[in-house]
Amino acid sequence: MRWSDVDVSGIIRWGTYVRFVEMAETELFRAVGFPYATLWDRLDIWLPRVQFHLDYRNPARLDELLDIEIWVGRIGRSSIRLEFLVKKPGGDLAAEGYLVIVSIDRKNAKSVDVPKPLLDALAPYTSPSPRPSPTTSPRPSPPKGGEGA
């Protein structure tokens, strides 16, 4: 992490977690074959973020290498809930939470079903349990996971 990612005490700032989770989300969609650069046109939807929840567990500090673990916790009719963990060196939990995105029509911004091709692509990353053993990377490779970041 960079100096701009921390406060005056050297502890990671809240907004930095949002950015890190967004990077993990982007890499998850890229890994399943739907990079955000092409997803919108291919599926004719938008996926706005409607909720972000973060629980701090242990302060992360300047120059600590963090691993972001992300997986699909739940898929509803039009929503996808992505669960995440942020781990410090040695595996200590720095933070955990979830992000909810919603599938909406690009023309009228009304919610629509999550497209079947996207459901199928995300299936290997969907966990039936509340706390799975997700991959330790924002760059998983379907269907078995990824490598450390």
Protein backbone atom coordinates (compact mmCIF):
# COMPACT_ATOMS: atom_id res chain seq x y z
CA MET A 1 0.00 0.00 0.00
CA ARG A 2 1.07 3.58 -0.54
CA TRP A 3 1.54 6.54 1.78
CA SER A 4 -1.75 8.00 0.45
CA ASP A 5 -3.52 4.80 1.64
CA VAL A 6 -2.88 5.48 5.34
CA ASP A 7 -3.71 8.13 7.92
CA VAL A 8 -1.19 10.12 9.96
CA SER A 9 -0.73 7.16 12.35
CA GLY A 10 0.27 4.89 9.46
CA ILE A 11 -2.95 2.81 9.61
CA ILE A 12 -4.82 2.02 6.41
CA ARG A 13 -7.74 4.39 5.72
CA TRP A 14 -11.32 3.25 5.13
CA GLY A 15 -11.40 4.36 1.49
CA THR A 16 -8.36 2.24 0.74
CA TYR A 17 -10.30 -0.92 1.63
CA VAL A 18 -12.99 0.11 -0.85
CA ARG A 19 -10.37 0.47 -3.58
CA PHE A 20 -8.70 -2.86 -2.72
CA VAL A 21 -12.04 -4.71 -2.77
CA GLU A 22 -12.93 -3.06 -6.07
CA MET A 23 -9.64 -4.34 -7.54
CA ALA A 24 -10.40 -7.86 -6.27
CA GLU A 25 -13.92 -7.65 -7.71
CA THR A 26 -12.54 -6.54 -11.07
CA GLU A 27 -10.05 -9.43 -11.11
CA LEU A 28 -12.75 -11.94 -10.14
CA PHE A 29 -14.90 -10.88 -13.10
CA ARG A 30 -11.87 -10.94 -15.41
CA ALA A 31 -10.98 -14.46 -14.21
CA VAL A 32 -14.48 -15.80 -14.98
CA GLY A 33 -14.33 -14.45 -18.52
CA PHE A 34 -16.35 -11.27 -18.03
CA PRO A 35 -13.89 -8.39 -17.66
CA TYR A 36 -15.69 -5.16 -16.89
CA ALA A 37 -14.28 -3.60 -20.08
CA THR A 38 -16.53 -5.91 -22.15
CA LEU A 39 -19.17 -7.20 -19.70
CA TRP A 40 -21.52 -4.23 -20.15
CA ASP A 41 -21.76 -4.58 -23.92
CA ARG A 42 -21.80 -8.39 -23.94
CA LEU A 43 -24.64 -8.72 -21.41
CA ASP A 44 -26.35 -5.31 -21.95
CA ILE A 45 -26.46 -4.61 -18.20
CA TRP A 46 -24.81 -2.41 -15.59
CA LEU A 47 -23.72 -3.73 -12.19
CA PRO A 48 -23.83 -0.75 -9.83
CA ARG A 49 -22.66 -1.21 -6.26
CA VAL A 50 -25.56 -0.70 -3.88
CA GLN A 51 -24.03 -1.72 -0.55
CA PHE A 52 -20.56 -1.99 0.98
CA HIS A 53 -20.07 -3.33 4.48
CA LEU A 54 -16.69 -3.43 6.24
CA ASP A 55 -15.77 -4.75 9.69
CA TYR A 56 -12.32 -3.82 10.94
CA ARG A 57 -10.61 -6.62 12.85
CA ASN A 58 -6.92 -5.70 13.16
CA PRO A 59 -5.25 -2.50 11.91
CA ALA A 60 -3.25 -2.84 8.71
CA ARG A 61 -0.26 -0.52 8.52
CA LEU A 62 1.91 1.16 5.94
CA ASP A 63 4.05 -1.31 3.95
CA GLU A 64 2.15 -4.43 5.05
CA LEU A 65 1.46 -6.78 2.16
CA LEU A 66 -2.24 -7.64 2.23
CA ASP A 67 -4.09 -10.54 0.60
CA ILE A 68 -7.64 -9.98 -0.52
CA GLU A 69 -9.88 -13.05 -0.68
CA ILE A 70 -13.15 -12.64 -2.56
CA TRP A 71 -15.93 -15.02 -3.48
CA VAL A 72 -19.63 -15.02 -4.30
CA GLY A 73 -21.60 -15.38 -1.08
CA ARG A 74 -25.03 -15.29 -2.63
CA ILE A 75 -26.78 -14.63 -5.91
CA GLY A 76 -30.36 -13.42 -5.84
CA ARG A 77 -32.66 -12.73 -8.76
CA SER A 78 -30.93 -9.47 -9.66
CA SER A 79 -28.24 -9.09 -7.00
CA ILE A 80 -24.82 -10.57 -6.34
CA ARG A 81 -23.29 -10.44 -2.87
CA LEU A 82 -19.50 -10.68 -2.89
CA GLU A 83 -17.88 -11.61 0.42
CA PHE A 84 -14.29 -10.64 1.16
CA LEU A 85 -11.50 -11.01 3.68
CA VAL A 86 -8.43 -8.80 3.95
CA LYS A 87 -5.53 -10.68 5.54
CA LYS A 88 -2.23 -9.43 6.88
CA PRO A 89 1.08 -11.28 6.65
CA GLY A 90 0.84 -14.46 8.70
CA GLY A 91 -2.89 -14.74 8.03
CA ASP A 92 -4.21 -12.33 10.67
CA LEU A 93 -7.55 -10.87 9.63
CA ALA A 94 -7.39 -7.10 9.04
CA ALA A 95 -10.96 -6.68 7.82
CA GLU A 96 -13.93 -8.55 6.39
CA GLY A 97 -17.18 -7.62 4.77
CA TYR A 98 -19.33 -7.78 1.71
CA LEU A 99 -20.29 -5.85 -1.38
CA VAL A 100 -23.68 -6.05 -3.10
CA ILE A 101 -24.03 -5.30 -6.80
CA VAL A 102 -27.28 -5.30 -8.76
CA SER A 103 -27.95 -6.21 -12.37
CA ILE A 104 -29.85 -3.40 -14.09
CA ASP A 105 -31.00 -2.75 -17.64
CA ARG A 106 -28.75 -0.24 -19.38
CA LYS A 107 -31.65 1.55 -21.05
CA ASN A 108 -34.03 2.15 -18.15
CA ALA A 109 -31.93 1.39 -15.02
CA LYS A 110 -34.54 -1.12 -13.76
CA SER A 111 -33.35 -4.29 -12.07
CA VAL A 112 -33.18 -7.38 -14.28
CA ASP A 113 -32.28 -11.02 -13.66
CA VAL A 114 -28.58 -11.74 -13.41
CA PRO A 115 -27.84 -13.07 -16.91
CA LYS A 116 -27.45 -16.86 -17.12
CA PRO A 117 -23.97 -16.71 -18.72
CA LEU A 118 -22.76 -14.66 -15.75
CA LEU A 119 -24.47 -17.00 -13.26
CA ASP A 120 -22.73 -19.96 -14.88
CA ALA A 121 -19.34 -18.22 -14.92
CA LEU A 122 -19.59 -17.27 -11.23
CA ALA A 123 -20.81 -20.70 -10.09
CA PRO A 124 -17.30 -22.05 -9.22
CA TYR A 125 -16.84 -19.03 -6.92
CA THR A 126 -20.18 -19.34 -5.14
CA SER A 127 -20.00 -20.73 -1.64
CA PRO A 128 -22.92 -22.48 0.03
CA SER A 129 -21.42 -21.87 3.49
CA PRO A 130 -21.15 -18.54 5.33
CA ARG A 131 -17.35 -18.71 5.60
CA PRO A 132 -15.69 -20.78 2.85
CA SER A 133 -12.03 -21.34 2.25
CA PRO A 134 -11.72 -18.85 -0.61
CA THR A 135 -8.71 -18.31 -2.78
CA THR A 136 -6.07 -15.96 -1.43
CA SER A 137 -5.93 -13.60 -4.32
CA PRO A 138 -7.84 -10.93 -6.13
CA ARG A 139 -6.82 -12.86 -9.26
CA PRO A 140 -8.44 -16.30 -9.06
CA SER A 141 -8.34 -18.65 -12.01
CA PRO A 142 -11.52 -20.68 -12.46
CA PRO A 143 -12.57 -23.11 -11.28
CA LYS A 144 -10.05 -24.05 -8.57
CA GLY A 145 -8.75 -20.71 -7.29
CA GLY A 146 -5.71 -18.58 -7.76
CA GLU A 147 -2.37 -17.50 -6.51
CA GLY A 148 -1.26 -15.01 -3.88
CA ALA A 149 -1.15 -11.33 -4.73
